[in-house]
Amino acid sequence: MENENIIKSNTDIIGNIHSFESMGSVDGPGIRSVVFFQGCSLRCAFCHNPDTWGTEPNKVITTADLIKKILRFKPYYDSSGGGVTFSGGEPLLQPEFLLDILKKCKQNNIHTALDTSGVGHKGDKKFRPDYKEILKYTDLVLLDVKHTRSEMYKEITCVDMSFFMEFLDTLNSSDTDVWIRAVIIPGINDNMDYIKELEKFSKNINNVKKFELLPYHTLGVNKYKELGIKYRLEKLPPMDKKKTKEWEGLLNNSLV
């Protein structure tokens, strides 16, 4: 039985993406194209893209066509120290498609980044991605740490933390660089105790080069209404950007 997110043709691998951003500057170093994959197993309370959750076909594309699209912007990557970031949704849910496009990027000397929750399956070993092989062609992992404590992780994501930890074990055995990303949410983790927890948690992750703290915002709330999904953080105010940046600086200073 095939993974429902993967479709094979005779000549190429076909994937399901949500959207393509030609030139971005916030998902890794330099100017980058960002490929947003369709489908995610998590149901994060703060997610601003619930339209990426479903695995039904959205924009179907082959890796051959996707690399052609990516290569159009290679001069911008090369001049800025940029590349391509695979985000989502969750790219690990389409492992064969992801691996093939990663290989094609490396064949063309393009820097690759994987923006991931680390949850590529939820217990069905038949669909477990080959994380080791994927990381072999990944220069940078933007690791989304939803929470450092398992009970809070599950409350936020509706998924057990063990699947994230499984990916983390493989990540730690690779030489891939890591940027840790965390959303700071008022009333949940907007305190110095949590920042210290996050710093301590990061000590068990190899090759951490940077922290990025993202202030919680409400820009995606209307999408929930359009999709008929209850928004769990209703009436919660946006996080203070200045305070978030201050804590980010403290964490990055701890890496020196």
Protein backbone atom coordinates (compact mmCIF):
# COMPACT_ATOMS: atom_id res chain seq x y z
CA MET A 1 0.00 0.00 0.00
CA GLU A 2 1.44 3.39 -1.02
CA ASN A 3 1.69 6.39 1.26
CA GLU A 4 -1.42 8.40 0.31
CA ASN A 5 0.73 11.53 -0.06
CA ILE A 6 3.00 9.98 -2.70
CA ILE A 7 2.10 9.31 -6.32
CA LYS A 8 4.59 7.57 -8.61
CA SER A 9 4.68 7.89 -12.38
CA ASN A 10 6.84 5.91 -14.76
CA THR A 11 9.38 8.68 -15.20
CA ASP A 12 9.30 10.89 -12.14
CA ILE A 13 7.99 11.40 -8.63
CA ILE A 14 4.90 13.50 -8.23
CA GLY A 15 4.18 15.52 -5.10
CA ASN A 16 1.40 17.62 -3.68
CA ILE A 17 2.32 21.19 -2.77
CA HIS A 18 0.32 24.06 -1.34
CA SER A 19 2.25 26.96 -2.85
CA PHE A 20 5.60 28.23 -4.11
CA GLU A 21 7.23 31.45 -2.93
CA SER A 22 9.81 32.51 -5.48
CA MET A 23 11.97 34.79 -3.33
CA GLY A 24 11.67 34.98 0.44
CA SER A 25 14.06 36.13 3.13
CA VAL A 26 12.72 34.73 6.42
CA ASP A 27 13.05 30.95 6.04
CA GLY A 28 16.79 30.43 6.19
CA PRO A 29 19.86 32.37 5.06
CA GLY A 30 19.91 34.64 2.02
CA ILE A 31 17.26 34.93 -0.67
CA ARG A 32 15.33 31.67 -0.93
CA SER A 33 12.54 30.03 -2.79
CA VAL A 34 10.13 28.33 -0.40
CA VAL A 35 8.15 25.25 -1.39
CA PHE A 36 5.16 24.75 0.91
CA PHE A 37 4.10 21.10 0.96
CA GLN A 38 0.45 20.11 1.35
CA GLY A 39 -0.49 17.94 4.34
CA CYS A 40 0.37 17.93 8.05
CA SER A 41 -0.27 15.47 10.89
CA LEU A 42 -0.10 18.11 13.61
CA ARG A 43 -2.95 20.40 14.61
CA CYS A 44 -0.99 23.17 16.33
CA ALA A 45 -3.18 25.59 18.27
CA PHE A 46 -1.24 28.57 16.87
CA CYS A 47 -1.01 27.40 13.24
CA HIS A 48 -1.76 30.21 10.80
CA ASN A 49 -2.00 27.92 7.76
CA PRO A 50 -4.73 25.35 8.51
CA ASP A 51 -5.33 25.18 4.76
CA THR A 52 -2.09 23.17 4.52
CA TRP A 53 -3.32 20.39 6.84
CA GLY A 54 -5.33 18.25 4.43
CA THR A 55 -3.68 15.69 2.17
CA GLU A 56 -6.16 16.01 -0.71
CA PRO A 57 -4.52 17.03 -4.01
CA ASN A 58 -3.84 20.76 -4.24
CA LYS A 59 -1.08 21.61 -6.72
CA VAL A 60 0.35 18.40 -8.15
CA ILE A 61 3.85 18.74 -9.60
CA THR A 62 6.73 16.47 -10.62
CA THR A 63 10.21 16.90 -9.20
CA ALA A 64 11.43 17.53 -12.77
CA ASP A 65 9.07 20.48 -13.15
CA LEU A 66 9.78 21.74 -9.64
CA ILE A 67 13.55 21.82 -10.12
CA LYS A 68 13.05 23.78 -13.37
CA LYS A 69 11.00 26.32 -11.41
CA ILE A 70 13.65 26.48 -8.68
CA LEU A 71 16.55 26.92 -11.12
CA ARG A 72 15.05 30.13 -12.51
CA PHE A 73 16.03 31.86 -9.28
CA LYS A 74 19.49 30.32 -8.82
CA PRO A 75 21.36 33.58 -9.60
CA TYR A 76 19.60 35.18 -6.61
CA TYR A 77 20.52 32.26 -4.34
CA ASP A 78 24.13 32.38 -5.46
CA SER A 79 24.52 36.13 -4.99
CA SER A 80 22.95 36.16 -1.51
CA GLY A 81 24.08 32.90 0.06
CA GLY A 82 20.52 31.62 -0.24
CA GLY A 83 18.86 28.52 -1.63
CA VAL A 84 15.61 26.58 -1.29
CA THR A 85 13.55 25.86 1.81
CA PHE A 86 11.03 23.03 1.94
CA SER A 87 8.26 23.88 4.36
CA GLY A 88 4.60 23.12 4.80
CA GLY A 89 2.43 21.65 5.92
CA GLU A 90 5.02 18.99 6.69
CA PRO A 91 7.53 17.96 4.00
CA LEU A 92 8.36 14.69 5.77
CA LEU A 93 4.87 13.39 4.97
CA GLN A 94 5.97 13.13 1.31
CA PRO A 95 9.41 11.55 1.86
CA GLU A 96 10.05 10.16 -1.63
CA PHE A 97 9.09 13.41 -3.32
CA LEU A 98 11.14 15.39 -0.77
CA LEU A 99 14.21 13.18 -1.15
CA ASP A 100 14.14 13.36 -4.94
CA ILE A 101 13.86 17.15 -5.06
CA LEU A 102 16.59 17.48 -2.41
CA LYS A 103 18.89 15.36 -4.58
CA LYS A 104 18.09 17.44 -7.64
CA CYS A 105 18.91 20.62 -5.71
CA LYS A 106 22.26 19.25 -4.55
CA GLN A 107 23.08 18.13 -8.11
CA ASN A 108 22.67 21.80 -9.05
CA ASN A 109 24.72 23.11 -6.09
CA ILE A 110 21.71 24.68 -4.38
CA HIS A 111 21.68 25.10 -0.59
CA THR A 112 18.79 23.14 0.93
CA ALA A 113 16.83 23.82 4.11
CA LEU A 114 14.08 21.74 5.68
CA ASP A 115 11.52 23.55 7.83
CA THR A 116 10.01 20.71 9.83
CA SER A 117 8.12 19.66 12.93
CA GLY A 118 10.01 16.37 12.73
CA VAL A 119 6.77 14.38 12.56
CA GLY A 120 6.79 12.33 9.37
CA HIS A 121 4.50 9.58 10.65
CA LYS A 122 2.31 8.80 13.63
CA GLY A 123 3.16 5.21 14.43
CA ASP A 124 2.64 3.32 11.17
CA LYS A 125 6.12 1.93 10.50
CA LYS A 126 5.19 1.15 6.86
CA PHE A 127 5.14 4.88 6.21
CA ARG A 128 8.17 5.81 8.32
CA PRO A 129 10.39 8.15 6.25
CA ASP A 130 14.10 7.41 5.86
CA TYR A 131 15.16 10.43 7.90
CA LYS A 132 18.84 9.55 7.61
CA GLU A 133 18.75 9.57 3.81
CA ILE A 134 16.75 12.81 3.70
CA LEU A 135 19.18 14.56 6.05
CA LYS A 136 22.11 13.46 3.88
CA TYR A 137 20.93 15.98 1.26
CA THR A 138 19.79 18.66 3.72
CA ASP A 139 22.20 21.48 4.58
CA LEU A 140 20.04 23.11 7.25
CA VAL A 141 17.12 22.02 9.40
CA LEU A 142 14.78 24.71 10.71
CA LEU A 143 13.55 22.65 13.66
CA ASP A 144 10.14 23.66 14.98
CA VAL A 145 10.17 23.01 18.72
CA LYS A 146 6.50 23.21 19.69
CA HIS A 147 7.26 22.79 23.41
CA THR A 148 9.96 21.22 25.55
CA ARG A 149 7.59 19.22 27.81
CA SER A 150 5.69 16.25 26.46
CA GLU A 151 2.35 17.06 28.09
CA MET A 152 2.34 20.62 26.75
CA TYR A 153 3.62 19.45 23.38
CA LYS A 154 0.63 17.14 23.03
CA GLU A 155 -1.80 19.80 24.21
CA ILE A 156 -0.50 22.26 21.60
CA THR A 157 -0.13 19.84 18.66
CA CYS A 158 -2.65 17.05 19.42
CA VAL A 159 0.19 14.58 18.69
CA ASP A 160 2.52 12.65 21.00
CA MET A 161 6.02 14.12 21.36
CA SER A 162 7.68 10.71 20.84
CA PHE A 163 7.44 11.09 17.04
CA PHE A 164 9.35 14.37 17.20
CA MET A 165 11.97 12.77 19.45
CA GLU A 166 12.40 9.93 16.96
CA PHE A 167 13.33 12.44 14.25
CA LEU A 168 15.57 14.28 16.70
CA ASP A 169 17.55 11.09 17.39
CA THR A 170 18.34 10.77 13.68
CA LEU A 171 19.07 14.48 13.35
CA ASN A 172 21.61 14.21 16.17
CA SER A 173 23.44 11.46 14.32
CA SER A 174 23.81 13.65 11.22
CA ASP A 175 26.10 16.60 10.55
CA THR A 176 23.25 18.84 9.37
CA ASP A 177 23.19 22.37 10.80
CA VAL A 178 20.18 23.29 12.92
CA TRP A 179 18.28 26.48 13.62
CA ILE A 180 15.79 26.10 16.44
CA ARG A 181 12.46 27.81 15.90
CA ALA A 182 9.83 28.31 18.58
CA VAL A 183 6.59 30.27 18.68
CA ILE A 184 6.19 32.34 21.86
CA ILE A 185 2.55 32.38 22.98
CA PRO A 186 1.05 34.65 25.65
CA GLY A 187 0.06 32.71 28.75
CA ILE A 188 1.66 29.47 27.54
CA ASN A 189 5.42 29.95 27.19
CA ASP A 190 5.97 33.72 27.42
CA ASN A 191 8.20 33.65 30.48
CA MET A 192 11.85 33.43 31.40
CA ASP A 193 11.42 29.96 32.92
CA TYR A 194 10.44 28.59 29.52
CA ILE A 195 13.31 30.38 27.80
CA LYS A 196 15.67 28.64 30.22
CA GLU A 197 13.91 25.33 29.52
CA LEU A 198 14.38 25.86 25.80
CA GLU A 199 18.06 26.65 26.28
CA LYS A 200 18.50 23.49 28.36
CA PHE A 201 16.56 21.41 25.83
CA SER A 202 18.77 22.69 23.00
CA LYS A 203 21.89 21.40 24.74
CA ASN A 204 20.74 17.92 23.68
CA ILE A 205 20.58 18.93 20.01
CA ASN A 206 23.77 18.82 17.95
CA ASN A 207 24.97 21.52 15.53
CA VAL A 208 22.61 24.27 16.74
CA LYS A 209 23.72 27.47 15.01
CA LYS A 210 20.86 29.83 15.76
CA PHE A 211 17.58 30.41 17.59
CA GLU A 212 14.58 32.07 15.99
CA LEU A 213 11.73 32.99 18.32
CA LEU A 214 8.52 33.82 16.49
CA PRO A 215 5.92 35.98 18.25
CA TYR A 216 2.42 34.51 18.17
CA HIS A 217 0.08 36.43 15.86
CA THR A 218 -3.55 36.23 14.79
CA LEU A 219 -3.14 36.69 11.03
CA GLY A 220 -4.54 33.25 10.21
CA VAL A 221 -7.71 33.39 12.31
CA ASN A 222 -10.00 34.14 9.36
CA LYS A 223 -8.80 30.98 7.59
CA TYR A 224 -10.30 28.91 10.42
CA LYS A 225 -13.66 30.60 9.95
CA GLU A 226 -13.55 29.98 6.20
CA LEU A 227 -12.71 26.30 6.76
CA GLY A 228 -15.24 25.85 9.56
CA ILE A 229 -12.55 24.88 12.08
CA LYS A 230 -12.71 26.02 15.70
CA TYR A 231 -9.76 28.26 16.61
CA ARG A 232 -8.44 27.11 19.98
CA LEU A 233 -6.64 30.34 20.91
CA GLU A 234 -9.61 32.61 20.29
CA LYS A 235 -9.30 36.07 21.89
CA LEU A 236 -5.63 35.51 22.75
CA PRO A 237 -3.68 38.73 22.02
CA PRO A 238 -0.59 38.77 19.78
CA MET A 239 2.76 38.30 21.50
CA ASP A 240 4.93 41.34 22.22
CA LYS A 241 7.53 41.45 19.42
CA LYS A 242 10.10 43.41 21.40
CA LYS A 243 10.08 40.97 24.32
CA THR A 244 10.30 38.02 21.93
CA LYS A 245 13.32 39.55 20.18
CA GLU A 246 14.96 40.20 23.56
CA TRP A 247 14.64 36.54 24.56
CA GLU A 248 15.88 35.45 21.14
CA GLY A 249 19.02 37.51 21.72
CA LEU A 250 19.60 35.84 25.08
CA LEU A 251 19.35 32.39 23.54
CA ASN A 252 21.66 33.23 20.66
CA ASN A 253 24.19 34.69 23.09
CA SER A 254 24.17 31.34 24.89
CA LEU A 255 25.53 29.72 21.72
CA VAL A 256 28.68 31.84 21.70
